[in-house]
Amino acid sequence: MFALRDCPEQPGYDTKLRSFDYQSNILLKTMFSHVVIFWTKPEIPGAADALIAGAETYLRPIPGVATFHVGRMVNSHRDVVDQTYQVALNLQFENKQQQDDYQVHPSHLDFVEKAFKPNCAGVVVYDFE
């Protein structure tokens, strides 16, 4: 996907809210992405499985989550690919407000207490539009 400002002028479209998919020639709404990289506690052998199960249980059903993807790190022969983490979570929302609402949702708070804190040694979050 490319930002609308990188494609031919499209009269009537708000360039801050849209992007252009050149393969399908369709203007798309910009989404808010929330990417979380987790390092699990090495002393807990099932920590990655518990974290993934917790995300499925507590995070997937939260209203406003447009796309949900959780999984394990994939090995790569490429040096540029970080292979130090164990689990990643990739969520998309229609806008930042929905992500803000997600952060204070009781199920998210349950995930933090019941799945994240017991199983994770570290985390990095990337949010972007």
N, C-alpha and C. Protein backbone atom coordinates (compact mmCIF):
# COMPACT_ATOMS: atom_id res chain seq x y z
N MET A 1 0.82 -1.17 0.00
CA MET A 1 0.00 0.00 0.00
C MET A 1 0.88 1.24 0.00
N PHE A 2 0.43 2.25 -0.66
CA PHE A 2 1.13 3.52 -0.71
C PHE A 2 0.19 4.61 -0.24
N ALA A 3 0.74 5.63 0.38
CA ALA A 3 -0.08 6.75 0.80
C ALA A 3 -0.66 7.43 -0.42
N LEU A 4 -1.84 7.99 -0.27
CA LEU A 4 -2.52 8.63 -1.38
C LEU A 4 -1.67 9.75 -1.96
N ARG A 5 -0.89 10.41 -1.14
CA ARG A 5 -0.06 11.50 -1.66
C ARG A 5 0.97 10.99 -2.67
N ASP A 6 1.24 9.66 -2.67
CA ASP A 6 2.19 9.09 -3.61
C ASP A 6 1.54 8.62 -4.90
N CYS A 7 0.23 8.71 -4.98
CA CYS A 7 -0.46 8.27 -6.19
C CYS A 7 -1.06 9.47 -6.89
N PRO A 8 -1.57 9.29 -8.09
CA PRO A 8 -2.14 10.43 -8.81
C PRO A 8 -3.22 11.13 -8.00
N GLU A 9 -3.38 12.40 -8.23
CA GLU A 9 -4.38 13.20 -7.53
C GLU A 9 -5.76 12.56 -7.61
N GLN A 10 -6.41 12.50 -6.48
CA GLN A 10 -7.75 11.93 -6.39
C GLN A 10 -8.66 13.01 -5.78
N PRO A 11 -9.36 13.79 -6.59
CA PRO A 11 -10.20 14.86 -6.05
C PRO A 11 -11.24 14.32 -5.09
N GLY A 12 -11.44 15.04 -3.99
CA GLY A 12 -12.49 14.69 -3.06
C GLY A 12 -12.10 13.70 -1.98
N TYR A 13 -10.86 13.21 -1.98
CA TYR A 13 -10.45 12.25 -0.97
C TYR A 13 -9.55 12.93 0.05
N ASP A 14 -9.77 12.62 1.30
CA ASP A 14 -8.97 13.14 2.39
C ASP A 14 -7.67 12.34 2.46
N THR A 15 -6.55 12.94 2.14
CA THR A 15 -5.29 12.20 2.06
C THR A 15 -4.80 11.74 3.43
N LYS A 16 -5.31 12.29 4.51
CA LYS A 16 -4.90 11.84 5.84
C LYS A 16 -5.62 10.56 6.25
N LEU A 17 -6.73 10.26 5.63
CA LEU A 17 -7.53 9.12 6.04
C LEU A 17 -7.50 7.98 5.06
N ARG A 18 -6.83 8.11 3.94
CA ARG A 18 -6.88 7.08 2.90
C ARG A 18 -5.50 6.65 2.44
N SER A 19 -5.42 5.45 1.93
CA SER A 19 -4.23 4.97 1.25
C SER A 19 -4.70 4.29 -0.03
N PHE A 20 -3.76 4.00 -0.92
CA PHE A 20 -4.12 3.47 -2.22
C PHE A 20 -3.43 2.13 -2.43
N ASP A 21 -4.21 1.10 -2.74
CA ASP A 21 -3.67 -0.23 -3.03
C ASP A 21 -3.55 -0.33 -4.55
N TYR A 22 -2.32 -0.28 -5.05
CA TYR A 22 -2.10 -0.27 -6.50
C TYR A 22 -2.48 -1.59 -7.16
N GLN A 23 -2.42 -2.70 -6.44
CA GLN A 23 -2.77 -3.98 -7.04
C GLN A 23 -4.26 -4.06 -7.36
N SER A 24 -5.09 -3.50 -6.49
CA SER A 24 -6.53 -3.58 -6.73
C SER A 24 -7.12 -2.25 -7.17
N ASN A 25 -6.30 -1.19 -7.19
CA ASN A 25 -6.75 0.14 -7.57
C ASN A 25 -7.92 0.61 -6.71
N ILE A 26 -7.82 0.35 -5.40
CA ILE A 26 -8.88 0.72 -4.48
C ILE A 26 -8.30 1.65 -3.42
N LEU A 27 -9.05 2.70 -3.10
CA LEU A 27 -8.68 3.57 -2.00
C LEU A 27 -9.13 2.91 -0.70
N LEU A 28 -8.24 2.87 0.28
CA LEU A 28 -8.51 2.20 1.54
C LEU A 28 -8.43 3.18 2.70
N LYS A 29 -9.21 2.93 3.75
CA LYS A 29 -9.09 3.72 4.96
C LYS A 29 -7.79 3.39 5.66
N THR A 30 -7.17 4.38 6.25
CA THR A 30 -5.99 4.15 7.06
C THR A 30 -6.43 3.52 8.37
N MET A 31 -5.72 2.49 8.79
CA MET A 31 -6.02 1.81 10.04
C MET A 31 -4.99 2.21 11.09
N PHE A 32 -5.33 1.99 12.35
CA PHE A 32 -4.40 2.18 13.45
C PHE A 32 -3.85 0.81 13.82
N SER A 33 -2.55 0.63 13.72
CA SER A 33 -1.93 -0.66 14.02
C SER A 33 -1.25 -0.64 15.38
N HIS A 34 -1.41 -1.75 16.09
CA HIS A 34 -0.84 -1.93 17.42
C HIS A 34 -0.09 -3.26 17.38
N VAL A 35 1.24 -3.19 17.35
CA VAL A 35 2.09 -4.37 17.25
C VAL A 35 2.83 -4.52 18.57
N VAL A 36 2.74 -5.72 19.15
CA VAL A 36 3.38 -5.98 20.44
C VAL A 36 4.32 -7.17 20.28
N ILE A 37 5.57 -6.99 20.68
CA ILE A 37 6.58 -8.04 20.62
C ILE A 37 6.88 -8.47 22.07
N PHE A 38 6.75 -9.78 22.33
CA PHE A 38 6.90 -10.31 23.69
C PHE A 38 8.13 -11.20 23.81
N TRP A 39 8.88 -11.02 24.88
CA TRP A 39 9.94 -11.93 25.28
C TRP A 39 9.44 -12.67 26.51
N THR A 40 9.30 -13.98 26.40
CA THR A 40 8.75 -14.75 27.51
C THR A 40 9.85 -15.10 28.51
N LYS A 41 9.41 -15.50 29.70
CA LYS A 41 10.34 -15.90 30.76
C LYS A 41 10.92 -17.26 30.42
N PRO A 42 12.25 -17.36 30.24
CA PRO A 42 12.85 -18.63 29.85
C PRO A 42 12.68 -19.74 30.88
N GLU A 43 12.49 -19.37 32.13
CA GLU A 43 12.32 -20.37 33.18
C GLU A 43 10.93 -21.01 33.19
N ILE A 44 10.03 -20.50 32.35
CA ILE A 44 8.68 -21.06 32.24
C ILE A 44 8.55 -21.71 30.87
N PRO A 45 8.68 -23.05 30.77
CA PRO A 45 8.68 -23.74 29.48
C PRO A 45 7.43 -23.50 28.62
N GLY A 46 6.27 -23.35 29.21
CA GLY A 46 5.04 -23.16 28.44
C GLY A 46 4.60 -21.72 28.33
N ALA A 47 5.52 -20.79 28.59
CA ALA A 47 5.14 -19.37 28.63
C ALA A 47 4.58 -18.87 27.30
N ALA A 48 5.19 -19.24 26.18
CA ALA A 48 4.70 -18.76 24.87
C ALA A 48 3.30 -19.29 24.60
N ASP A 49 3.08 -20.57 24.88
CA ASP A 49 1.74 -21.15 24.68
C ASP A 49 0.71 -20.47 25.57
N ALA A 50 1.07 -20.21 26.82
CA ALA A 50 0.15 -19.56 27.75
C ALA A 50 -0.18 -18.14 27.30
N LEU A 51 0.82 -17.44 26.79
CA LEU A 51 0.62 -16.07 26.32
C LEU A 51 -0.30 -16.05 25.10
N ILE A 52 -0.07 -16.95 24.16
CA ILE A 52 -0.91 -17.03 22.96
C ILE A 52 -2.34 -17.41 23.35
N ALA A 53 -2.49 -18.38 24.23
CA ALA A 53 -3.83 -18.77 24.68
C ALA A 53 -4.53 -17.62 25.40
N GLY A 54 -3.78 -16.88 26.20
CA GLY A 54 -4.35 -15.72 26.89
C GLY A 54 -4.80 -14.64 25.92
N ALA A 55 -4.01 -14.41 24.89
CA ALA A 55 -4.40 -13.42 23.88
C ALA A 55 -5.68 -13.84 23.17
N GLU A 56 -5.76 -15.11 22.82
CA GLU A 56 -6.98 -15.62 22.16
C GLU A 56 -8.19 -15.47 23.08
N THR A 57 -8.01 -15.81 24.34
CA THR A 57 -9.12 -15.77 25.30
C THR A 57 -9.55 -14.36 25.65
N TYR A 58 -8.60 -13.50 25.98
CA TYR A 58 -8.92 -12.18 26.52
C TYR A 58 -8.95 -11.06 25.49
N LEU A 59 -8.09 -11.12 24.48
CA LEU A 59 -7.95 -9.98 23.57
C LEU A 59 -8.78 -10.08 22.30
N ARG A 60 -8.85 -11.26 21.71
CA ARG A 60 -9.58 -11.41 20.45
C ARG A 60 -11.03 -10.89 20.53
N PRO A 61 -11.77 -11.18 21.62
CA PRO A 61 -13.19 -10.75 21.66
C PRO A 61 -13.44 -9.27 21.95
N ILE A 62 -12.40 -8.50 22.25
CA ILE A 62 -12.62 -7.10 22.63
C ILE A 62 -13.20 -6.32 21.46
N PRO A 63 -14.30 -5.59 21.68
CA PRO A 63 -14.91 -4.79 20.61
C PRO A 63 -13.93 -3.76 20.05
N GLY A 64 -14.00 -3.54 18.75
CA GLY A 64 -13.16 -2.55 18.08
C GLY A 64 -11.94 -3.15 17.41
N VAL A 65 -11.58 -4.38 17.75
CA VAL A 65 -10.44 -5.03 17.11
C VAL A 65 -10.87 -5.45 15.71
N ALA A 66 -10.32 -4.79 14.69
CA ALA A 66 -10.70 -5.08 13.30
C ALA A 66 -9.97 -6.31 12.77
N THR A 67 -8.67 -6.43 13.08
CA THR A 67 -7.92 -7.64 12.72
C THR A 67 -7.09 -8.06 13.92
N PHE A 68 -6.95 -9.36 14.07
CA PHE A 68 -6.25 -9.95 15.21
C PHE A 68 -5.32 -11.04 14.69
N HIS A 69 -4.06 -10.97 15.07
CA HIS A 69 -3.11 -12.02 14.70
C HIS A 69 -2.09 -12.16 15.83
N VAL A 70 -2.00 -13.35 16.39
CA VAL A 70 -1.01 -13.64 17.41
C VAL A 70 -0.28 -14.90 16.99
N GLY A 71 1.03 -14.95 17.24
CA GLY A 71 1.77 -16.14 16.87
C GLY A 71 3.20 -16.10 17.36
N ARG A 72 3.89 -17.21 17.09
CA ARG A 72 5.28 -17.36 17.49
C ARG A 72 6.22 -16.73 16.46
N MET A 73 7.41 -16.38 16.92
CA MET A 73 8.45 -15.88 16.04
C MET A 73 8.78 -16.98 15.01
N VAL A 74 9.03 -16.56 13.80
CA VAL A 74 9.38 -17.49 12.72
C VAL A 74 10.88 -17.36 12.45
N ASN A 75 11.57 -18.49 12.43
CA ASN A 75 13.01 -18.47 12.13
C ASN A 75 13.24 -17.97 10.71
N SER A 76 14.36 -17.28 10.54
CA SER A 76 14.71 -16.73 9.23
C SER A 76 16.22 -16.82 9.03
N HIS A 77 16.62 -17.00 7.78
CA HIS A 77 18.04 -16.99 7.44
C HIS A 77 18.57 -15.56 7.27
N ARG A 78 17.67 -14.58 7.27
CA ARG A 78 18.05 -13.19 7.05
C ARG A 78 18.53 -12.54 8.35
N ASP A 79 19.71 -11.94 8.34
CA ASP A 79 20.26 -11.29 9.54
C ASP A 79 19.42 -10.11 10.03
N VAL A 80 18.70 -9.48 9.14
CA VAL A 80 17.92 -8.30 9.48
C VAL A 80 16.66 -8.64 10.30
N VAL A 81 16.27 -9.91 10.33
CA VAL A 81 15.06 -10.33 11.05
C VAL A 81 15.40 -10.62 12.50
N ASP A 82 14.73 -9.90 13.41
CA ASP A 82 14.92 -10.12 14.84
C ASP A 82 14.39 -11.50 15.21
N GLN A 83 15.22 -12.29 15.83
CA GLN A 83 14.82 -13.64 16.24
C GLN A 83 15.02 -13.86 17.73
N THR A 84 14.98 -12.77 18.49
CA THR A 84 15.20 -12.88 19.93
C THR A 84 13.91 -13.01 20.72
N TYR A 85 12.77 -12.67 20.14
CA TYR A 85 11.49 -12.70 20.86
C TYR A 85 10.81 -14.05 20.64
N GLN A 86 9.74 -14.30 21.38
CA GLN A 86 9.03 -15.57 21.25
C GLN A 86 7.62 -15.43 20.66
N VAL A 87 6.93 -14.33 20.96
CA VAL A 87 5.53 -14.16 20.54
C VAL A 87 5.32 -12.73 20.04
N ALA A 88 4.48 -12.59 19.02
CA ALA A 88 4.10 -11.26 18.54
C ALA A 88 2.58 -11.18 18.41
N LEU A 89 2.07 -9.99 18.62
CA LEU A 89 0.64 -9.71 18.50
C LEU A 89 0.49 -8.53 17.55
N ASN A 90 -0.38 -8.67 16.58
CA ASN A 90 -0.61 -7.62 15.60
C ASN A 90 -2.11 -7.34 15.55
N LEU A 91 -2.52 -6.17 16.03
CA LEU A 91 -3.92 -5.78 16.03
C LEU A 91 -4.10 -4.54 15.18
N GLN A 92 -5.25 -4.45 14.51
CA GLN A 92 -5.60 -3.23 13.79
C GLN A 92 -6.96 -2.76 14.26
N PHE A 93 -7.07 -1.44 14.33
CA PHE A 93 -8.31 -0.77 14.72
C PHE A 93 -8.65 0.25 13.65
N GLU A 94 -9.90 0.63 13.57
CA GLU A 94 -10.29 1.64 12.57
C GLU A 94 -9.72 3.00 12.90
N ASN A 95 -9.45 3.26 14.19
CA ASN A 95 -8.90 4.56 14.57
C ASN A 95 -8.23 4.46 15.94
N LYS A 96 -7.52 5.49 16.31
CA LYS A 96 -6.79 5.50 17.57
C LYS A 96 -7.73 5.42 18.77
N GLN A 97 -8.89 6.04 18.68
CA GLN A 97 -9.83 6.01 19.80
C GLN A 97 -10.24 4.58 20.14
N GLN A 98 -10.45 3.75 19.13
CA GLN A 98 -10.81 2.36 19.40
C GLN A 98 -9.66 1.64 20.10
N GLN A 99 -8.43 1.94 19.73
CA GLN A 99 -7.28 1.34 20.41
C GLN A 99 -7.18 1.86 21.84
N ASP A 100 -7.46 3.13 22.05
CA ASP A 100 -7.47 3.69 23.41
C ASP A 100 -8.52 2.99 24.27
N ASP A 101 -9.69 2.75 23.70
CA ASP A 101 -10.76 2.05 24.42
C ASP A 101 -10.34 0.61 24.74
N TYR A 102 -9.67 -0.04 23.81
CA TYR A 102 -9.16 -1.40 23.99
C TYR A 102 -8.20 -1.47 25.19
N GLN A 103 -7.35 -0.46 25.32
CA GLN A 103 -6.34 -0.47 26.39
C GLN A 103 -6.95 -0.51 27.79
N VAL A 104 -8.13 0.07 27.98
CA VAL A 104 -8.76 0.11 29.30
C VAL A 104 -9.91 -0.89 29.44
N HIS A 105 -10.13 -1.70 28.39
CA HIS A 105 -11.20 -2.71 28.45
C HIS A 105 -10.86 -3.74 29.53
N PRO A 106 -11.85 -4.17 30.32
CA PRO A 106 -11.58 -5.15 31.39
C PRO A 106 -10.89 -6.43 30.90
N SER A 107 -11.20 -6.89 29.69
CA SER A 107 -10.54 -8.10 29.18
C SER A 107 -9.06 -7.87 28.89
N HIS A 108 -8.71 -6.66 28.45
CA HIS A 108 -7.29 -6.34 28.25
C HIS A 108 -6.57 -6.30 29.58
N LEU A 109 -7.20 -5.73 30.57
CA LEU A 109 -6.60 -5.67 31.90
C LEU A 109 -6.44 -7.08 32.48
N ASP A 110 -7.41 -7.96 32.23
CA ASP A 110 -7.29 -9.36 32.64
C ASP A 110 -6.11 -10.04 31.95
N PHE A 111 -5.95 -9.79 30.64
CA PHE A 111 -4.82 -10.35 29.90
C PHE A 111 -3.50 -9.93 30.54
N VAL A 112 -3.38 -8.65 30.87
CA VAL A 112 -2.14 -8.14 31.47
C VAL A 112 -1.84 -8.88 32.78
N GLU A 113 -2.85 -9.03 33.62
CA GLU A 113 -2.64 -9.65 34.93
C GLU A 113 -2.48 -11.16 34.86
N LYS A 114 -3.27 -11.83 34.01
CA LYS A 114 -3.33 -13.29 34.02
C LYS A 114 -2.42 -13.98 33.00
N ALA A 115 -2.07 -13.30 31.93
CA ALA A 115 -1.24 -13.92 30.89
C ALA A 115 0.09 -13.21 30.70
N PHE A 116 0.07 -11.88 30.64
CA PHE A 116 1.31 -11.14 30.38
C PHE A 116 2.27 -11.17 31.57
N LYS A 117 1.83 -10.69 32.71
CA LYS A 117 2.73 -10.58 33.87
C LYS A 117 3.34 -11.91 34.30
N PRO A 118 2.56 -12.99 34.33
CA PRO A 118 3.17 -14.26 34.76
C PRO A 118 4.16 -14.87 33.76
N ASN A 119 4.05 -14.51 32.48
CA ASN A 119 4.81 -15.20 31.43
C ASN A 119 5.84 -14.37 30.70
N CYS A 120 5.85 -13.06 30.87
CA CYS A 120 6.71 -12.21 30.04
C CYS A 120 7.84 -11.56 30.83
N ALA A 121 9.01 -11.57 30.21
CA ALA A 121 10.19 -10.91 30.77
C ALA A 121 10.35 -9.51 30.18
N GLY A 122 9.78 -9.28 29.01
CA GLY A 122 9.92 -7.98 28.35
C GLY A 122 8.94 -7.82 27.21
N VAL A 123 8.77 -6.57 26.79
CA VAL A 123 7.81 -6.26 25.72
C VAL A 123 8.23 -4.96 25.03
N VAL A 124 7.95 -4.88 23.74
CA VAL A 124 8.09 -3.64 22.98
C VAL A 124 6.80 -3.47 22.19
N VAL A 125 6.30 -2.24 22.14
CA VAL A 125 5.06 -1.93 21.44
C VAL A 125 5.35 -0.93 20.33
N TYR A 126 4.78 -1.19 19.15
CA TYR A 126 4.84 -0.27 18.02
C TYR A 126 3.43 0.10 17.63
N ASP A 127 3.08 1.37 17.74
CA ASP A 127 1.77 1.87 17.30
C ASP A 127 2.00 2.80 16.11
N PHE A 128 1.19 2.66 15.09
CA PHE A 128 1.32 3.53 13.92
C PHE A 128 0.03 3.59 13.13
N GLU A 129 -0.10 4.65 12.34
CA GLU A 129 -1.24 4.80 11.43
C GLU A 129 -0.75 4.67 10.01
